[in-house]
PDB file of N, CA and C in Angstrom:
ATOM      1  N   MET A   1     115.294  19.032 134.732  1.00  0.00           N
ATOM      2  CA  MET A   1     114.708  19.919 133.756  1.00  0.00           C
ATOM      3  C   MET A   1     115.047  21.424 134.045  1.00  0.00           C
ATOM      4  N   SER A   2     115.131  21.850 135.356  1.00  0.00           N
ATOM      5  CA  SER A   2     115.405  23.175 135.656  1.00  0.00           C
ATOM      6  C   SER A   2     116.843  23.445 135.337  1.00  0.00           C
ATOM      7  N   ALA A   3     117.777  22.484 135.485  1.00  0.00           N
ATOM      8  CA  ALA A   3     119.053  22.725 135.051  1.00  0.00           C
ATOM      9  C   ALA A   3     119.332  22.938 133.594  1.00  0.00           C
ATOM     10  N   VAL A   4     118.515  22.285 132.845  1.00  0.00           N
ATOM     11  CA  VAL A   4     118.593  22.409 131.361  1.00  0.00           C
ATOM     12  C   VAL A   4     118.103  23.769 130.924  1.00  0.00           C
ATOM     13  N   LEU A   5     116.997  24.255 131.538  1.00  0.00           N
ATOM     14  CA  LEU A   5     116.408  25.649 131.342  1.00  0.00           C
ATOM     15  C   LEU A   5     117.518  26.698 131.844  1.00  0.00           C
ATOM     16  N   HIS A   6     118.058  26.462 132.907  1.00  0.00           N
ATOM     17  CA  HIS A   6     119.205  27.336 133.426  1.00  0.00           C
ATOM     18  C   HIS A   6     120.329  27.417 132.431  1.00  0.00           C
ATOM     19  N   ALA A   7     120.762  26.284 131.947  1.00  0.00           N
ATOM     20  CA  ALA A   7     121.938  26.287 130.960  1.00  0.00           C
ATOM     21  C   ALA A   7     121.451  27.004 129.704  1.00  0.00           C
ATOM     22  N   LEU A   8     120.256  26.820 129.253  1.00  0.00           N
ATOM     23  CA  LEU A   8     119.825  27.538 128.012  1.00  0.00           C
ATOM     24  C   LEU A   8     119.699  29.093 128.242  1.00  0.00           C
ATOM     25  N   ASP A   9     119.221  29.471 129.526  1.00  0.00           N
ATOM     26  CA  ASP A   9     119.112  30.802 129.760  1.00  0.00           C
ATOM     27  C   ASP A   9     120.532  31.451 129.862  1.00  0.00           C
ATOM     28  N   THR A  10     121.519  30.763 130.321  1.00  0.00           N
ATOM     29  CA  THR A  10     122.827  31.306 130.471  1.00  0.00           C
ATOM     30  C   THR A  10     123.477  31.398 129.120  1.00  0.00           C
ATOM     31  N   ALA A  11     123.235  30.385 128.236  1.00  0.00           N
ATOM     32  CA  ALA A  11     123.756  30.373 126.935  1.00  0.00           C
ATOM     33  C   ALA A  11     123.245  31.555 126.121  1.00  0.00           C
ATOM     34  N   GLN A  12     121.883  31.793 126.260  1.00  0.00           N
ATOM     35  CA  GLN A  12     121.254  32.822 125.535  1.00  0.00           C
ATOM     36  C   GLN A  12     121.841  34.215 125.932  1.00  0.00           C
ATOM     37  N   SER A  13     121.968  34.480 127.183  1.00  0.00           N
ATOM     38  CA  SER A  13     122.523  35.780 127.811  1.00  0.00           C
ATOM     39  C   SER A  13     123.931  35.945 127.234  1.00  0.00           C
ATOM     40  N   LEU A  14     124.760  34.850 127.116  1.00  0.00           N
ATOM     41  CA  LEU A  14     126.129  35.047 126.585  1.00  0.00           C
ATOM     42  C   LEU A  14     126.060  35.246 125.147  1.00  0.00           C
ATOM     43  N   LEU A  15     125.284  34.614 124.367  1.00  0.00           N
ATOM     44  CA  LEU A  15     125.108  34.962 122.987  1.00  0.00           C
ATOM     45  C   LEU A  15     124.672  36.299 122.576  1.00  0.00           C
ATOM     46  N   LEU A  16     123.673  36.777 123.353  1.00  0.00           N
ATOM     47  CA  LEU A  16     123.115  37.927 123.042  1.00  0.00           C
ATOM     48  C   LEU A  16     123.855  39.151 123.613  1.00  0.00           C
ATOM     49  N   ALA A  17     124.909  38.955 124.524  1.00  0.00           N
ATOM     50  CA  ALA A  17     125.638  39.997 125.214  1.00  0.00           C
ATOM     51  C   ALA A  17     126.518  40.674 124.076  1.00  0.00           C
ATOM     52  N   ASP A  18     126.982  39.854 123.117  1.00  0.00           N
ATOM     53  CA  ASP A  18     127.953  40.418 122.181  1.00  0.00           C
ATOM     54  C   ASP A  18     127.278  41.102 121.003  1.00  0.00           C
ATOM     55  N   ALA A  19     125.888  41.011 120.868  1.00  0.00           N
ATOM     56  CA  ALA A  19     125.197  41.621 119.716  1.00  0.00           C
ATOM     57  C   ALA A  19     125.137  43.123 119.906  1.00  0.00           C
ATOM     58  N   PRO A  20     125.474  43.921 118.878  1.00  0.00           N
ATOM     59  CA  PRO A  20     125.340  45.351 118.961  1.00  0.00           C
ATOM     60  C   PRO A  20     123.930  45.744 118.974  1.00  0.00           C
ATOM     61  N   ASP A  21     123.632  46.893 119.799  1.00  0.00           N
ATOM     62  CA  ASP A  21     122.266  47.410 119.910  1.00  0.00           C
ATOM     63  C   ASP A  21     122.272  48.647 119.137  1.00  0.00           C
ATOM     64  N   PRO A  22     121.621  48.794 118.004  1.00  0.00           N
ATOM     65  CA  PRO A  22     121.505  49.952 117.246  1.00  0.00           C
ATOM     66  C   PRO A  22     120.804  51.159 117.959  1.00  0.00           C
ATOM     67  N   SER A  23     119.923  50.890 118.781  1.00  0.00           N
ATOM     68  CA  SER A  23     119.179  51.829 119.518  1.00  0.00           C
ATOM     69  C   SER A  23     120.035  52.802 120.380  1.00  0.00           C
ATOM     70  N   LYS A  24     121.206  52.239 120.742  1.00  0.00           N
ATOM     71  CA  LYS A  24     122.011  52.968 121.734  1.00  0.00           C
ATOM     72  C   LYS A  24     123.021  53.991 120.956  1.00  0.00           C
ATOM     73  N   GLY A  25     122.967  53.968 119.644  1.00  0.00           N
ATOM     74  CA  GLY A  25     123.696  54.940 118.862  1.00  0.00           C
ATOM     75  C   GLY A  25     125.177  54.834 118.857  1.00  0.00           C
ATOM     76  N   GLY A  26     125.674  53.756 119.182  1.00  0.00           N
ATOM     77  CA  GLY A  26     127.271  53.641 119.151  1.00  0.00           C
ATOM     78  C   GLY A  26     127.821  53.412 117.778  1.00  0.00           C
ATOM     79  N   GLY A  27     127.029  52.917 116.833  1.00  0.00           N
ATOM     80  CA  GLY A  27     127.563  52.557 115.598  1.00  0.00           C
ATOM     81  C   GLY A  27     127.790  53.693 114.652  1.00  0.00           C
ATOM     82  N   GLY A  28     127.028  54.632 114.652  1.00  0.00           N
ATOM     83  CA  GLY A  28     127.063  55.758 113.594  1.00  0.00           C
ATOM     84  C   GLY A  28     126.758  55.344 112.270  1.00  0.00           C
ATOM     85  N   ASN A  29     127.168  56.135 111.333  1.00  0.00           N
ATOM     86  CA  ASN A  29     126.974  55.834 109.934  1.00  0.00           C
ATOM     87  C   ASN A  29     128.250  55.105 109.370  1.00  0.00           C
ATOM     88  N   PRO A  30     127.996  54.317 108.350  1.00  0.00           N
ATOM     89  CA  PRO A  30     129.209  53.643 107.783  1.00  0.00           C
ATOM     90  C   PRO A  30     129.997  54.568 106.972  1.00  0.00           C
ATOM     91  N   PRO A  31     131.328  54.170 106.692  1.00  0.00           N
ATOM     92  CA  PRO A  31     132.232  55.136 106.029  1.00  0.00           C
ATOM     93  C   PRO A  31     131.628  55.443 104.545  1.00  0.00           C
ATOM     94  N   GLY A  32     131.783  56.597 104.154  1.00  0.00           N
ATOM     95  CA  GLY A  32     131.207  57.027 102.799  1.00  0.00           C
ATOM     96  C   GLY A  32     129.767  57.377 102.735  1.00  0.00           C
ATOM     97  N   TRP A  33     129.046  57.290 103.869  1.00  0.00           N
ATOM     98  CA  TRP A  33     127.667  57.553 103.946  1.00  0.00           C
ATOM     99  C   TRP A  33     127.291  58.914 103.383  1.00  0.00           C
ATOM    100  N   ASP A  34     128.052  59.851 103.736  1.00  0.00           N
ATOM    101  CA  ASP A  34     127.844  61.300 103.297  1.00  0.00           C
ATOM    102  C   ASP A  34     127.924  61.357 101.689  1.00  0.00           C
ATOM    103  N   LYS A  35     128.806  60.811 101.236  1.00  0.00           N
ATOM    104  CA  LYS A  35     129.002  60.769  99.780  1.00  0.00           C
ATOM    105  C   LYS A  35     127.957  60.124  99.086  1.00  0.00           C
ATOM    106  N   PHE A  36     127.441  58.993  99.676  1.00  0.00           N
ATOM    107  CA  PHE A  36     126.351  58.197  99.098  1.00  0.00           C
ATOM    108  C   PHE A  36     125.081  59.163  99.115  1.00  0.00           C
ATOM    109  N   LEU A  37     124.908  59.839 100.214  1.00  0.00           N
ATOM    110  CA  LEU A  37     123.665  60.698 100.242  1.00  0.00           C
ATOM    111  C   LEU A  37     123.719  61.797  99.255  1.00  0.00           C
ATOM    112  N   THR A  38     124.910  62.346  99.014  1.00  0.00           N
ATOM    113  CA  THR A  38     125.178  63.433  98.100  1.00  0.00           C
ATOM    114  C   THR A  38     124.817  62.880  96.620  1.00  0.00           C
ATOM    115  N   VAL A  39     125.386  61.802  96.255  1.00  0.00           N
ATOM    116  CA  VAL A  39     124.969  61.220  94.972  1.00  0.00           C
ATOM    117  C   VAL A  39     123.429  60.923  94.874  1.00  0.00           C
ATOM    118  N   LEU A  40     122.839  60.373  95.913  1.00  0.00           N
ATOM    119  CA  LEU A  40     121.391  60.101  96.039  1.00  0.00           C
ATOM    120  C   LEU A  40     120.576  61.376  95.866  1.00  0.00           C
ATOM    121  N   HIS A  41     121.043  62.405  96.466  1.00  0.00           N
ATOM    122  CA  HIS A  41     120.406  63.807  96.266  1.00  0.00           C
ATOM    123  C   HIS A  41     120.444  64.218  94.873  1.00  0.00           C
ATOM    124  N   TRP A  42     121.617  64.117  94.241  1.00  0.00           N
ATOM    125  CA  TRP A  42     121.679  64.563  92.871  1.00  0.00           C
ATOM    126  C   TRP A  42     120.881  63.703  91.868  1.00  0.00           C
ATOM    127  N   VAL A  43     120.740  62.364  92.142  1.00  0.00           N
ATOM    128  CA  VAL A  43     119.915  61.586  91.312  1.00  0.00           C
ATOM    129  C   VAL A  43     118.423  61.889  91.510  1.00  0.00           C
ATOM    130  N   PHE A  44     118.130  62.261  92.733  1.00  0.00           N
ATOM    131  CA  PHE A  44     116.711  62.679  93.084  1.00  0.00           C
ATOM    132  C   PHE A  44     116.379  63.922  92.206  1.00  0.00           C
ATOM    133  N   ILE A  45     117.296  64.907  92.253  1.00  0.00           N
ATOM    134  CA  ILE A  45     117.085  66.110  91.512  1.00  0.00           C
ATOM    135  C   ILE A  45     116.895  65.855  89.966  1.00  0.00           C
ATOM    136  N   ALA A  46     117.792  64.955  89.450  1.00  0.00           N
ATOM    137  CA  ALA A  46     117.783  64.746  88.024  1.00  0.00           C
ATOM    138  C   ALA A  46     116.428  63.993  87.683  1.00  0.00           C
ATOM    139  N   VAL A  47     115.968  63.043  88.545  1.00  0.00           N
ATOM    140  CA  VAL A  47     114.821  62.317  88.125  1.00  0.00           C
ATOM    141  C   VAL A  47     113.510  63.243  88.305  1.00  0.00           C
ATOM    142  N   THR A  48     113.644  64.149  89.312  1.00  0.00           N
ATOM    143  CA  THR A  48     112.466  65.133  89.474  1.00  0.00           C
ATOM    144  C   THR A  48     112.417  65.999  88.185  1.00  0.00           C
ATOM    145  N   GLY A  49     113.504  66.412  87.706  1.00  0.00           N
ATOM    146  CA  GLY A  49     113.636  67.240  86.505  1.00  0.00           C
ATOM    147  C   GLY A  49     113.064  66.480  85.309  1.00  0.00           C
ATOM    148  N   ILE A  50     113.351  65.218  85.208  1.00  0.00           N
ATOM    149  CA  ILE A  50     112.901  64.299  84.150  1.00  0.00           C
ATOM    150  C   ILE A  50     111.296  64.193  84.148  1.00  0.00           C
ATOM    151  N   CYS A  51     110.840  64.118  85.450  1.00  0.00           N
ATOM    152  CA  CYS A  51     109.333  63.936  85.631  1.00  0.00           C
ATOM    153  C   CYS A  51     108.705  65.191  85.171  1.00  0.00           C
ATOM    154  N   VAL A  52     109.296  66.271  85.537  1.00  0.00           N
ATOM    155  CA  VAL A  52     108.621  67.667  85.171  1.00  0.00           C
ATOM    156  C   VAL A  52     108.678  67.868  83.590  1.00  0.00           C
ATOM    157  N   VAL A  53     109.809  67.471  82.934  1.00  0.00           N
ATOM    158  CA  VAL A  53     109.944  67.597  81.467  1.00  0.00           C
ATOM    159  C   VAL A  53     109.022  66.481  80.842  1.00  0.00           C
ATOM    160  N   GLY A  54     108.764  65.319  81.417  1.00  0.00           N
ATOM    161  CA  GLY A  54     107.696  64.469  80.921  1.00  0.00           C
ATOM    162  C   GLY A  54     106.320  64.913  81.076  1.00  0.00           C
ATOM    163  N   ILE A  55     106.007  65.620  82.110  1.00  0.00           N
ATOM    164  CA  ILE A  55     104.606  66.196  82.276  1.00  0.00           C
ATOM    165  C   ILE A  55     104.408  67.273  81.119  1.00  0.00           C
ATOM    166  N   MET A  56     105.440  68.100  80.905  1.00  0.00           N
ATOM    167  CA  MET A  56     105.485  69.117  79.860  1.00  0.00           C
ATOM    168  C   MET A  56     105.309  68.473  78.474  1.00  0.00           C
ATOM    169  N   LEU A  57     106.015  67.516  78.233  1.00  0.00           N
ATOM    170  CA  LEU A  57     105.928  66.828  76.859  1.00  0.00           C
ATOM    171  C   LEU A  57     104.421  66.272  76.693  1.00  0.00           C
ATOM    172  N   VAL A  58     104.020  65.478  77.694  1.00  0.00           N
ATOM    173  CA  VAL A  58     102.716  64.948  77.590  1.00  0.00           C
ATOM    174  C   VAL A  58     101.657  66.137  77.415  1.00  0.00           C
ATOM    175  N   ALA A  59     101.726  67.219  78.129  1.00  0.00           N
ATOM    176  CA  ALA A  59     100.757  68.253  78.022  1.00  0.00           C
ATOM    177  C   ALA A  59     100.878  68.797  76.545  1.00  0.00           C
ATOM    178  N   GLY A  60     102.050  68.850  76.042  1.00  0.00           N
ATOM    179  CA  GLY A  60     102.122  69.389  74.631  1.00  0.00           C
ATOM    180  C   GLY A  60     101.564  68.364  73.569  1.00  0.00           C
ATOM    181  N   SER A  61     101.752  67.107  73.931  1.00  0.00           N
ATOM    182  CA  SER A  61     101.174  66.115  72.995  1.00  0.00           C
ATOM    183  C   SER A  61      99.594  66.078  73.064  1.00  0.00           C
ATOM    184  N   MET A  62      99.130  66.313  74.344  1.00  0.00           N
ATOM    185  CA  MET A  62      97.774  66.343  74.570  1.00  0.00           C
ATOM    186  C   MET A  62      97.095  67.511  73.771  1.00  0.00           C
ATOM    187  N   ALA A  63      97.769  68.682  73.787  1.00  0.00           N
ATOM    188  CA  ALA A  63      97.219  69.810  73.027  1.00  0.00           C
ATOM    189  C   ALA A  63      97.253  69.531  71.526  1.00  0.00           C
ATOM    190  N   LEU A  64      98.227  68.888  71.093  1.00  0.00           N
ATOM    191  CA  LEU A  64      98.233  68.513  69.591  1.00  0.00           C
ATOM    192  C   LEU A  64      97.197  67.428  69.339  1.00  0.00           C
ATOM    193  N   ALA A  65      97.055  66.422  70.175  1.00  0.00           N
ATOM    194  CA  ALA A  65      96.073  65.430  69.993  1.00  0.00           C
ATOM    195  C   ALA A  65      94.727  65.977  70.043  1.00  0.00           C
ATOM    196  N   TYR A  66      94.454  66.899  70.925  1.00  0.00           N
ATOM    197  CA  TYR A  66      93.196  67.518  71.111  1.00  0.00           C
ATOM    198  C   TYR A  66      92.714  68.359  69.766  1.00  0.00           C
ATOM    199  N   ARG A  67      93.815  68.912  69.222  1.00  0.00           N
ATOM    200  CA  ARG A  67      93.570  69.662  67.945  1.00  0.00           C
ATOM    201  C   ARG A  67      93.242  68.645  66.799  1.00  0.00           C
ATOM    202  N   ARG A  68      93.827  67.356  66.845  1.00  0.00           N
ATOM    203  CA  ARG A  68      93.463  66.418  65.768  1.00  0.00           C
ATOM    204  C   ARG A  68      92.261  65.552  66.160  1.00  0.00           C
ATOM    205  N   GLY A  69      91.753  65.716  67.344  1.00  0.00           N
ATOM    206  CA  GLY A  69      90.601  64.926  67.782  1.00  0.00           C
ATOM    207  C   GLY A  69      90.835  63.588  68.415  1.00  0.00           C
ATOM    208  N   ASP A  70      92.167  63.360  68.883  1.00  0.00           N
ATOM    209  CA  ASP A  70      92.376  62.151  69.406  1.00  0.00           C
ATOM    210  C   ASP A  70      93.150  62.392  70.785  1.00  0.00           C
ATOM    211  N   GLY A  71      92.432  62.473  71.848  1.00  0.00           N
ATOM    212  CA  GLY A  71      92.919  62.862  73.096  1.00  0.00           C
ATOM    213  C   GLY A  71      93.211  61.613  74.084  1.00  0.00           C
ATOM    214  N   SER A  72      92.714  60.475  73.711  1.00  0.00           N
ATOM    215  CA  SER A  72      92.778  59.260  74.642  1.00  0.00           C
ATOM    216  C   SER A  72      94.206  58.748  74.746  1.00  0.00           C
ATOM    217  N   GLU A  73      94.936  58.781  73.585  1.00  0.00           N
ATOM    218  CA  GLU A  73      96.299  58.290  73.651  1.00  0.00           C
ATOM    219  C   GLU A  73      97.218  59.095  74.497  1.00  0.00           C
ATOM    220  N   ALA A  74      97.031  60.411  74.454  1.00  0.00           N
ATOM    221  CA  ALA A  74      97.820  61.400  75.274  1.00  0.00           C
ATOM    222  C   ALA A  74      97.514  61.186  76.786  1.00  0.00           C
ATOM    223  N   ALA A  75      96.257  60.812  77.051  1.00  0.00           N
ATOM    224  CA  ALA A  75      95.885  60.579  78.495  1.00  0.00           C
ATOM    225  C   ALA A  75      96.590  59.356  79.090  1.00  0.00           C
ATOM    226  N   LYS A  76      96.765  58.370  78.345  1.00  0.00           N
ATOM    227  CA  LYS A  76      97.492  57.223  78.699  1.00  0.00           C
ATOM    228  C   LYS A  76      99.002  57.690  79.140  1.00  0.00           C
ATOM    229  N   GLY A  77      99.530  58.491  78.257  1.00  0.00           N
ATOM    230  CA  GLY A  77     100.957  58.910  78.598  1.00  0.00           C
ATOM    231  C   GLY A  77     101.009  59.761  79.869  1.00  0.00           C
ATOM    232  N   LEU A  78      99.932  60.593  80.005  1.00  0.00           N
ATOM    233  CA  LEU A  78      99.874  61.348  81.348  1.00  0.00           C
ATOM    234  C   LEU A  78      99.795  60.402  82.651  1.00  0.00           C
ATOM    235  N   GLY A  79      99.107  59.302  82.340  1.00  0.00           N
ATOM    236  CA  GLY A  79      98.973  58.353  83.480  1.00  0.00           C
ATOM    237  C   GLY A  79     100.283  57.683  83.794  1.00  0.00           C
ATOM    238  N   VAL A  80     100.973  57.404  82.827  1.00  0.00           N
ATOM    239  CA  VAL A  80     102.327  56.770  82.992  1.00  0.00           C
ATOM    240  C   VAL A  80     103.288  57.701  83.670  1.00  0.00           C
ATOM    241  N   VAL A  81     103.210  58.976  83.223  1.00  0.00           N
ATOM    242  CA  VAL A  81     104.214  60.006  83.797  1.00  0.00           C
ATOM    243  C   VAL A  81     103.810  60.233  85.336  1.00  0.00           C
ATOM    244  N   MET A  82     102.535  60.285  85.566  1.00  0.00           N
ATOM    245  CA  MET A  82     102.005  60.559  86.958  1.00  0.00           C
ATOM    246  C   MET A  82     102.476  59.286  87.764  1.00  0.00           C
ATOM    247  N   PHE A  83     102.307  58.078  87.377  1.00  0.00           N
ATOM    248  CA  PHE A  83     102.727  56.942  88.121  1.00  0.00           C
ATOM    249  C   PHE A  83     104.198  57.027  88.415  1.00  0.00           C
ATOM    250  N   ALA A  84     105.023  57.383  87.458  1.00  0.00           N
ATOM    251  CA  ALA A  84     106.427  57.624  87.805  1.00  0.00           C
ATOM    252  C   ALA A  84     106.715  58.620  88.809  1.00  0.00           C
ATOM    253  N   CYS A  85     105.873  59.685  88.891  1.00  0.00           N
ATOM    254  CA  CYS A  85     106.101  60.714  89.785  1.00  0.00           C
ATOM    255  C   CYS A  85     105.644  60.144  91.263  1.00  0.00           C
ATOM    256  N   VAL A  86     104.670  59.288  91.241  1.00  0.00           N
ATOM    257  CA  VAL A  86     104.306  58.735  92.570  1.00  0.00           C
ATOM    258  C   VAL A  86     105.357  57.861  93.052  1.00  0.00           C
ATOM    259  N   ILE A  87     105.950  56.970  92.175  1.00  0.00           N
ATOM    260  CA  ILE A  87     107.075  56.122  92.593  1.00  0.00           C
ATOM    261  C   ILE A  87     108.321  56.939  93.025  1.00  0.00           C
ATOM    262  N   LEU A  88     108.587  58.164  92.432  1.00  0.00           N
ATOM    263  CA  LEU A  88     109.681  58.914  92.832  1.00  0.00           C
ATOM    264  C   LEU A  88     109.372  59.535  94.246  1.00  0.00           C
ATOM    265  N   GLY A  89     108.176  60.016  94.465  1.00  0.00           N
ATOM    266  CA  GLY A  89     107.854  60.511  95.710  1.00  0.00           C
ATOM    267  C   GLY A  89     107.959  59.418  96.909  1.00  0.00           C
ATOM    268  N   SER A  90     107.434  58.235  96.578  1.00  0.00           N
ATOM    269  CA  SER A  90     107.567  57.193  97.488  1.00  0.00           C
ATOM    270  C   SER A  90     109.021  56.692  97.818  1.00  0.00           C
ATOM    271  N   ALA A  91     109.739  56.692  96.866  1.00  0.00           N
ATOM    272  CA  ALA A  91     111.221  56.358  97.104  1.00  0.00           C
ATOM    273  C   ALA A  91     111.932  57.347  97.913  1.00  0.00           C
ATOM    274  N   SER A  92     111.628  58.631  97.651  1.00  0.00           N
ATOM    275  CA  SER A  92     112.400  59.625  98.545  1.00  0.00           C
ATOM    276  C   SER A  92     111.864  59.683  99.948  1.00  0.00           C
ATOM    277  N   GLY A  93     110.598  59.257 100.172  1.00  0.00           N
ATOM    278  CA  GLY A  93     110.098  59.140 101.487  1.00  0.00           C
ATOM    279  C   GLY A  93     110.609  57.994 102.151  1.00  0.00           C
ATOM    280  N   ILE A  94     110.874  56.918 101.554  1.00  0.00           N
ATOM    281  CA  ILE A  94     111.429  55.693 102.231  1.00  0.00           C
ATOM    282  C   ILE A  94     112.987  55.989 102.589  1.00  0.00           C
ATOM    283  N   VAL A  95     113.699  56.732 101.608  1.00  0.00           N
ATOM    284  CA  VAL A  95     114.997  56.969 101.959  1.00  0.00           C
ATOM    285  C   VAL A  95     115.264  58.019 103.044  1.00  0.00           C
ATOM    286  N   THR A  96     114.227  58.949 103.037  1.00  0.00           N
ATOM    287  CA  THR A  96     114.331  59.903 104.120  1.00  0.00           C
ATOM    288  C   THR A  96     114.024  59.219 105.511  1.00  0.00           C
ATOM    289  N   ALA A  97     113.115  58.306 105.610  1.00  0.00           N
ATOM    290  CA  ALA A  97     112.750  57.619 106.797  1.00  0.00           C
ATOM    291  C   ALA A  97     113.988  56.713 107.220  1.00  0.00           C
ATOM    292  N   LEU A  98     114.803  56.207 106.283  1.00  0.00           N
ATOM    293  CA  LEU A  98     115.911  55.337 106.690  1.00  0.00           C
ATOM    294  C   LEU A  98     117.202  56.132 107.182  1.00  0.00           C
ATOM    295  N   THR A  99     117.206  57.437 106.724  1.00  0.00           N
ATOM    296  CA  THR A  99     118.420  58.223 107.048  1.00  0.00           C
ATOM    297  C   THR A  99     118.262  58.998 108.359  1.00  0.00           C
TER     298      THR A  99
END
């Protein structure tokens, strides 16, 4: 029984010896990573601008709806735009944590 355990322990140490350890920092970033981050940054800026424009458009439609006496439909639009802003903020935080 002990010979089997010793053989398994030896096999495990041989198999795991070749596995790279990312905590030691030997790997670095993959090729093209800087270009990918540049594209990701530009997409983030564009989507942030779209969210700001969306909030402005919803605010304008809320003002018009208030004048007509129908404010509930515009409030739904504001909820959708704010949900999109929350998703954008979460995505950028996740990407920042990964880089």
